[in-house]
Amino acid sequence: MGTARKPEWCLSNSMLHSHLSRKASWRTVWDGLCS
């Protein structure tokens, strides 16, 4: 997965990411999509 490109929205919504990270379920989803 190290060579996989992250979707642009993963990079452009860092503030949204910070907000979602407070919710464990969302963080799991986000990490699955963007890490």
PDB file of N, CA and C in Angstrom:
ATOM      1  N   MET A   1       0.815  -1.208   0.000  1.00  0.00           N
ATOM      2  CA  MET A   1       0.000   0.000   0.000  1.00  0.00           C
ATOM      3  C   MET A   1       0.852   1.262   0.000  1.00  0.00           C
ATOM      4  N   GLY A   2       2.138   1.105   0.176  1.00  0.00           N
ATOM      5  CA  GLY A   2       3.001   2.266   0.235  1.00  0.00           C
ATOM      6  C   GLY A   2       3.036   3.034  -1.075  1.00  0.00           C
ATOM      7  N   THR A   3       2.736   2.345  -2.177  1.00  0.00           N
ATOM      8  CA  THR A   3       2.788   3.006  -3.468  1.00  0.00           C
ATOM      9  C   THR A   3       1.428   3.507  -3.911  1.00  0.00           C
ATOM     10  N   ALA A   4       0.391   3.185  -3.134  1.00  0.00           N
ATOM     11  CA  ALA A   4      -0.961   3.626  -3.494  1.00  0.00           C
ATOM     12  C   ALA A   4      -1.109   5.129  -3.296  1.00  0.00           C
ATOM     13  N   ARG A   5      -1.750   5.796  -4.256  1.00  0.00           N
ATOM     14  CA  ARG A   5      -1.972   7.237  -4.131  1.00  0.00           C
ATOM     15  C   ARG A   5      -3.195   7.494  -3.278  1.00  0.00           C
ATOM     16  N   LYS A   6      -3.086   8.478  -2.420  1.00  0.00           N
ATOM     17  CA  LYS A   6      -4.222   8.856  -1.588  1.00  0.00           C
ATOM     18  C   LYS A   6      -5.167   9.723  -2.408  1.00  0.00           C
ATOM     19  N   PRO A   7      -6.473   9.516  -2.267  1.00  0.00           N
ATOM     20  CA  PRO A   7      -7.434  10.387  -2.958  1.00  0.00           C
ATOM     21  C   PRO A   7      -7.186  11.850  -2.586  1.00  0.00           C
ATOM     22  N   GLU A   8      -7.419  12.745  -3.527  1.00  0.00           N
ATOM     23  CA  GLU A   8      -7.138  14.167  -3.272  1.00  0.00           C
ATOM     24  C   GLU A   8      -7.870  14.679  -2.052  1.00  0.00           C
ATOM     25  N   TRP A   9      -9.117  14.215  -1.872  1.00  0.00           N
ATOM     26  CA  TRP A   9      -9.897  14.737  -0.746  1.00  0.00           C
ATOM     27  C   TRP A   9      -9.279  14.355   0.581  1.00  0.00           C
ATOM     28  N   CYS A  10      -8.482  13.315   0.602  1.00  0.00           N
ATOM     29  CA  CYS A  10      -7.795  12.939   1.837  1.00  0.00           C
ATOM     30  C   CYS A  10      -6.783  14.017   2.216  1.00  0.00           C
ATOM     31  N   LEU A  11      -6.193  14.622   1.206  1.00  0.00           N
ATOM     32  CA  LEU A  11      -5.158  15.618   1.456  1.00  0.00           C
ATOM     33  C   LEU A  11      -5.739  17.008   1.633  1.00  0.00           C
ATOM     34  N   SER A  12      -6.846  17.268   0.932  1.00  0.00           N
ATOM     35  CA  SER A  12      -7.387  18.626   0.928  1.00  0.00           C
ATOM     36  C   SER A  12      -8.319  18.877   2.107  1.00  0.00           C
ATOM     37  N   ASN A  13      -8.671  17.832   2.833  1.00  0.00           N
ATOM     38  CA  ASN A  13      -9.605  18.000   3.947  1.00  0.00           C
ATOM     39  C   ASN A  13      -8.948  17.638   5.282  1.00  0.00           C
ATOM     40  N   SER A  14      -7.723  18.141   5.470  1.00  0.00           N
ATOM     41  CA  SER A  14      -7.006  17.821   6.698  1.00  0.00           C
ATOM     42  C   SER A  14      -7.748  18.319   7.929  1.00  0.00           C
ATOM     43  N   MET A  15      -8.425  19.457   7.802  1.00  0.00           N
ATOM     44  CA  MET A  15      -9.175  19.991   8.941  1.00  0.00           C
ATOM     45  C   MET A  15     -10.353  19.083   9.252  1.00  0.00           C
ATOM     46  N   LEU A  16     -11.022  18.608   8.190  1.00  0.00           N
ATOM     47  CA  LEU A  16     -12.132  17.680   8.373  1.00  0.00           C
ATOM     48  C   LEU A  16     -11.624  16.401   9.021  1.00  0.00           C
ATOM     49  N   HIS A  17     -10.449  15.959   8.589  1.00  0.00           N
ATOM     50  CA  HIS A  17      -9.838  14.773   9.154  1.00  0.00           C
ATOM     51  C   HIS A  17      -9.639  14.923  10.653  1.00  0.00           C
ATOM     52  N   SER A  18      -9.161  16.091  11.058  1.00  0.00           N
ATOM     53  CA  SER A  18      -8.932  16.340  12.481  1.00  0.00           C
ATOM     54  C   SER A  18     -10.237  16.235  13.253  1.00  0.00           C
ATOM     55  N   HIS A  19     -11.316  16.730  12.668  1.00  0.00           N
ATOM     56  CA  HIS A  19     -12.625  16.683  13.318  1.00  0.00           C
ATOM     57  C   HIS A  19     -13.113  15.238  13.407  1.00  0.00           C
ATOM     58  N   LEU A  20     -12.976  14.489  12.304  1.00  0.00           N
ATOM     59  CA  LEU A  20     -13.468  13.117  12.278  1.00  0.00           C
ATOM     60  C   LEU A  20     -12.631  12.208  13.167  1.00  0.00           C
ATOM     61  N   SER A  21     -11.363  12.569  13.342  1.00  0.00           N
ATOM     62  CA  SER A  21     -10.472  11.732  14.142  1.00  0.00           C
ATOM     63  C   SER A  21     -10.952  11.592  15.578  1.00  0.00           C
ATOM     64  N   ARG A  22     -11.792  12.525  16.003  1.00  0.00           N
ATOM     65  CA  ARG A  22     -12.306  12.464  17.369  1.00  0.00           C
ATOM     66  C   ARG A  22     -13.296  11.320  17.524  1.00  0.00           C
ATOM     67  N   LYS A  23     -13.843  10.851  16.406  1.00  0.00           N
ATOM     68  CA  LYS A  23     -14.786   9.733  16.436  1.00  0.00           C
ATOM     69  C   LYS A  23     -14.047   8.475  15.974  1.00  0.00           C
ATOM     70  N   ALA A  24     -13.959   7.496  16.848  1.00  0.00           N
ATOM     71  CA  ALA A  24     -13.166   6.303  16.569  1.00  0.00           C
ATOM     72  C   ALA A  24     -13.622   5.615  15.280  1.00  0.00           C
ATOM     73  N   SER A  25     -14.933   5.508  15.094  1.00  0.00           N
ATOM     74  CA  SER A  25     -15.446   4.812  13.922  1.00  0.00           C
ATOM     75  C   SER A  25     -15.039   5.527  12.635  1.00  0.00           C
ATOM     76  N   TRP A  26     -15.160   6.864  12.638  1.00  0.00           N
ATOM     77  CA  TRP A  26     -14.783   7.625  11.458  1.00  0.00           C
ATOM     78  C   TRP A  26     -13.289   7.552  11.206  1.00  0.00           C
ATOM     79  N   ARG A  27     -12.528   7.550  12.295  1.00  0.00           N
ATOM     80  CA  ARG A  27     -11.077   7.502  12.120  1.00  0.00           C
ATOM     81  C   ARG A  27     -10.669   6.191  11.455  1.00  0.00           C
ATOM     82  N   THR A  28     -11.340   5.104  11.839  1.00  0.00           N
ATOM     83  CA  THR A  28     -11.040   3.802  11.244  1.00  0.00           C
ATOM     84  C   THR A  28     -11.335   3.819   9.751  1.00  0.00           C
ATOM     85  N   VAL A  29     -12.487   4.409   9.398  1.00  0.00           N
ATOM     86  CA  VAL A  29     -12.855   4.487   7.987  1.00  0.00           C
ATOM     87  C   VAL A  29     -11.859   5.344   7.225  1.00  0.00           C
ATOM     88  N   TRP A  30     -11.546   6.511   7.792  1.00  0.00           N
ATOM     89  CA  TRP A  30     -10.635   7.444   7.129  1.00  0.00           C
ATOM     90  C   TRP A  30      -9.260   6.805   6.936  1.00  0.00           C
ATOM     91  N   ASP A  31      -8.748   6.156   7.993  1.00  0.00           N
ATOM     92  CA  ASP A  31      -7.435   5.524   7.898  1.00  0.00           C
ATOM     93  C   ASP A  31      -7.451   4.437   6.836  1.00  0.00           C
ATOM     94  N   GLY A  32      -8.588   3.719   6.737  1.00  0.00           N
ATOM     95  CA  GLY A  32      -8.691   2.660   5.745  1.00  0.00           C
ATOM     96  C   GLY A  32      -8.633   3.202   4.322  1.00  0.00           C
ATOM     97  N   LEU A  33      -9.204   4.394   4.123  1.00  0.00           N
ATOM     98  CA  LEU A  33      -9.272   4.981   2.793  1.00  0.00           C
ATOM     99  C   LEU A  33      -8.025   5.778   2.449  1.00  0.00           C
ATOM    100  N   CYS A  34      -7.418   6.384   3.457  1.00  0.00           N
ATOM    101  CA  CYS A  34      -6.391   7.384   3.185  1.00  0.00           C
ATOM    102  C   CYS A  34      -5.007   7.037   3.709  1.00  0.00           C
ATOM    103  N   SER A  35      -4.831   5.843   4.253  1.00  0.00           N
ATOM    104  CA  SER A  35      -3.489   5.515   4.732  1.00  0.00           C
ATOM    105  C   SER A  35      -2.930   4.292   4.029  1.00  0.00           C
TER     106      SER A  35
END
